[in-house]
Amino acid sequence: MKGVDLLNEKKLAVTKTEHKIGKTTYIICSSFSDKATDNLDKKIEKLIRKDIEENARNQGVL
């Protein structure tokens, strides 16, 4: 995989987790940038806000 090769070239620490939902297993690989300015709480909050805004637009509310 190209993405995995790029991660290995940069020598980033990668965390791999597995999540099972029903009969589907999701394998999540994550890494963190040294230049990141947001903590995990801020990032999740931004993702939730973005999702709410997109859903509102799709329903014609915004």
N, C-alpha and C. Protein backbone atom coordinates (compact mmCIF):
# COMPACT_ATOMS: atom_id res chain seq x y z
N MET A 1 0.83 -1.19 0.00
CA MET A 1 0.00 0.00 0.00
C MET A 1 0.87 1.24 0.00
N LYS A 2 0.48 2.22 -0.77
CA LYS A 2 1.26 3.43 -0.88
C LYS A 2 1.27 4.22 0.44
N GLY A 3 0.11 4.37 1.09
CA GLY A 3 0.03 5.12 2.34
C GLY A 3 0.91 4.52 3.43
N VAL A 4 0.90 3.22 3.53
CA VAL A 4 1.72 2.55 4.55
C VAL A 4 3.20 2.77 4.27
N ASP A 5 3.60 2.72 3.00
CA ASP A 5 4.99 2.95 2.64
C ASP A 5 5.42 4.36 3.03
N LEU A 6 4.56 5.35 2.81
CA LEU A 6 4.89 6.72 3.18
C LEU A 6 5.09 6.85 4.68
N LEU A 7 4.25 6.20 5.46
CA LEU A 7 4.39 6.25 6.91
C LEU A 7 5.72 5.64 7.34
N ASN A 8 6.07 4.52 6.74
CA ASN A 8 7.31 3.86 7.11
C ASN A 8 8.54 4.69 6.74
N GLU A 9 8.48 5.40 5.60
CA GLU A 9 9.60 6.23 5.17
C GLU A 9 9.85 7.38 6.14
N LYS A 10 8.80 7.92 6.73
CA LYS A 10 8.93 9.06 7.64
C LYS A 10 9.24 8.61 9.07
N LYS A 11 9.24 7.33 9.33
CA LYS A 11 9.54 6.77 10.66
C LYS A 11 8.59 7.27 11.74
N LEU A 12 7.32 7.42 11.40
CA LEU A 12 6.31 7.83 12.37
C LEU A 12 5.87 6.62 13.20
N ALA A 13 5.56 6.86 14.44
CA ALA A 13 4.99 5.80 15.28
C ALA A 13 3.54 5.61 14.86
N VAL A 14 3.18 4.41 14.50
CA VAL A 14 1.82 4.11 14.03
C VAL A 14 1.14 3.21 15.04
N THR A 15 -0.07 3.59 15.43
CA THR A 15 -0.87 2.79 16.34
C THR A 15 -1.93 2.06 15.52
N LYS A 16 -2.04 0.76 15.71
CA LYS A 16 -3.00 -0.05 14.98
C LYS A 16 -4.03 -0.59 15.96
N THR A 17 -5.31 -0.34 15.69
CA THR A 17 -6.38 -0.86 16.53
C THR A 17 -7.42 -1.54 15.66
N GLU A 18 -8.10 -2.52 16.21
CA GLU A 18 -9.17 -3.21 15.51
C GLU A 18 -10.48 -2.97 16.23
N HIS A 19 -11.52 -2.67 15.45
CA HIS A 19 -12.86 -2.46 15.99
C HIS A 19 -13.81 -3.38 15.23
N LYS A 20 -14.62 -4.13 15.96
CA LYS A 20 -15.60 -5.01 15.33
C LYS A 20 -16.99 -4.43 15.52
N ILE A 21 -17.69 -4.28 14.40
CA ILE A 21 -19.09 -3.85 14.42
C ILE A 21 -19.85 -4.90 13.63
N GLY A 22 -20.67 -5.66 14.32
CA GLY A 22 -21.36 -6.76 13.67
C GLY A 22 -20.35 -7.77 13.18
N LYS A 23 -20.45 -8.14 11.90
CA LYS A 23 -19.53 -9.11 11.31
C LYS A 23 -18.36 -8.44 10.60
N THR A 24 -18.26 -7.12 10.70
CA THR A 24 -17.21 -6.38 10.02
C THR A 24 -16.14 -5.96 11.01
N THR A 25 -14.88 -6.20 10.65
CA THR A 25 -13.75 -5.76 11.47
C THR A 25 -13.06 -4.61 10.75
N TYR A 26 -12.92 -3.49 11.45
CA TYR A 26 -12.25 -2.32 10.92
C TYR A 26 -10.86 -2.25 11.54
N ILE A 27 -9.84 -2.11 10.71
CA ILE A 27 -8.47 -1.96 11.19
C ILE A 27 -8.09 -0.50 10.99
N ILE A 28 -7.80 0.16 12.10
CA ILE A 28 -7.50 1.59 12.07
C ILE A 28 -6.02 1.79 12.38
N CYS A 29 -5.32 2.47 11.49
CA CYS A 29 -3.92 2.83 11.72
C CYS A 29 -3.86 4.34 11.88
N SER A 30 -3.24 4.79 12.96
CA SER A 30 -3.16 6.23 13.20
C SER A 30 -1.76 6.63 13.62
N SER A 31 -1.41 7.85 13.27
CA SER A 31 -0.14 8.43 13.69
C SER A 31 -0.37 9.91 13.97
N PHE A 32 0.54 10.51 14.67
CA PHE A 32 0.37 11.90 15.08
C PHE A 32 1.55 12.73 14.62
N SER A 33 1.25 13.92 14.17
CA SER A 33 2.27 14.85 13.70
C SER A 33 2.89 15.60 14.87
N ASP A 34 4.18 15.83 14.80
CA ASP A 34 4.85 16.66 15.81
C ASP A 34 4.40 18.11 15.71
N LYS A 35 3.87 18.49 14.55
CA LYS A 35 3.46 19.88 14.31
C LYS A 35 1.99 20.12 14.65
N ALA A 36 1.29 19.10 15.11
CA ALA A 36 -0.15 19.23 15.40
C ALA A 36 -0.37 20.26 16.51
N THR A 37 -1.43 21.06 16.34
CA THR A 37 -1.74 22.09 17.34
C THR A 37 -2.97 21.72 18.16
N ASP A 38 -3.79 20.81 17.67
CA ASP A 38 -5.00 20.40 18.39
C ASP A 38 -4.73 19.14 19.21
N ASN A 39 -5.39 19.07 20.37
CA ASN A 39 -5.35 17.82 21.12
C ASN A 39 -6.50 16.95 20.63
N LEU A 40 -6.61 15.75 21.14
CA LEU A 40 -7.62 14.82 20.67
C LEU A 40 -9.03 15.35 20.90
N ASP A 41 -9.27 15.96 22.05
CA ASP A 41 -10.61 16.51 22.34
C ASP A 41 -11.02 17.56 21.32
N LYS A 42 -10.10 18.47 20.98
CA LYS A 42 -10.40 19.53 20.01
C LYS A 42 -10.69 18.93 18.63
N LYS A 43 -9.90 17.94 18.24
CA LYS A 43 -10.07 17.31 16.94
C LYS A 43 -11.44 16.64 16.84
N ILE A 44 -11.82 15.90 17.88
CA ILE A 44 -13.13 15.23 17.88
C ILE A 44 -14.24 16.25 17.85
N GLU A 45 -14.10 17.33 18.61
CA GLU A 45 -15.12 18.39 18.62
C GLU A 45 -15.28 18.99 17.22
N LYS A 46 -14.17 19.25 16.53
CA LYS A 46 -14.24 19.79 15.16
C LYS A 46 -14.94 18.81 14.22
N LEU A 47 -14.63 17.52 14.34
CA LEU A 47 -15.26 16.52 13.48
C LEU A 47 -16.76 16.44 13.72
N ILE A 48 -17.18 16.51 14.98
CA ILE A 48 -18.61 16.46 15.31
C ILE A 48 -19.32 17.69 14.75
N ARG A 49 -18.72 18.88 14.96
CA ARG A 49 -19.33 20.12 14.44
C ARG A 49 -19.46 20.07 12.92
N LYS A 50 -18.41 19.60 12.24
CA LYS A 50 -18.44 19.50 10.78
C LYS A 50 -19.55 18.55 10.34
N ASP A 51 -19.69 17.42 11.02
CA ASP A 51 -20.72 16.44 10.68
C ASP A 51 -22.12 17.03 10.87
N ILE A 52 -22.32 17.76 11.97
CA ILE A 52 -23.63 18.39 12.23
C ILE A 52 -23.95 19.40 11.14
N GLU A 53 -22.97 20.23 10.76
CA GLU A 53 -23.18 21.23 9.72
C GLU A 53 -23.51 20.58 8.38
N GLU A 54 -22.79 19.52 8.02
CA GLU A 54 -23.05 18.83 6.75
C GLU A 54 -24.43 18.20 6.74
N ASN A 55 -24.83 17.59 7.86
CA ASN A 55 -26.17 16.99 7.94
C ASN A 55 -27.25 18.05 7.83
N ALA A 56 -27.03 19.21 8.46
CA ALA A 56 -28.01 20.30 8.39
C ALA A 56 -28.13 20.81 6.96
N ARG A 57 -27.01 20.96 6.26
CA ARG A 57 -27.04 21.40 4.86
C ARG A 57 -27.79 20.39 3.99
N ASN A 58 -27.52 19.12 4.20
CA ASN A 58 -28.17 18.07 3.40
C ASN A 58 -29.67 18.02 3.64
N GLN A 59 -30.11 18.44 4.82
CA GLN A 59 -31.54 18.44 5.14
C GLN A 59 -32.18 19.79 4.84
N GLY A 60 -31.41 20.73 4.31
CA GLY A 60 -31.94 22.03 3.95
C GLY A 60 -32.15 22.97 5.11
N VAL A 61 -31.54 22.70 6.25
CA VAL A 61 -31.70 23.55 7.42
C VAL A 61 -30.81 24.78 7.30
N LEU A 62 -29.59 24.63 6.78
CA LEU A 62 -28.67 25.76 6.62
C LEU A 62 -28.68 26.26 5.21
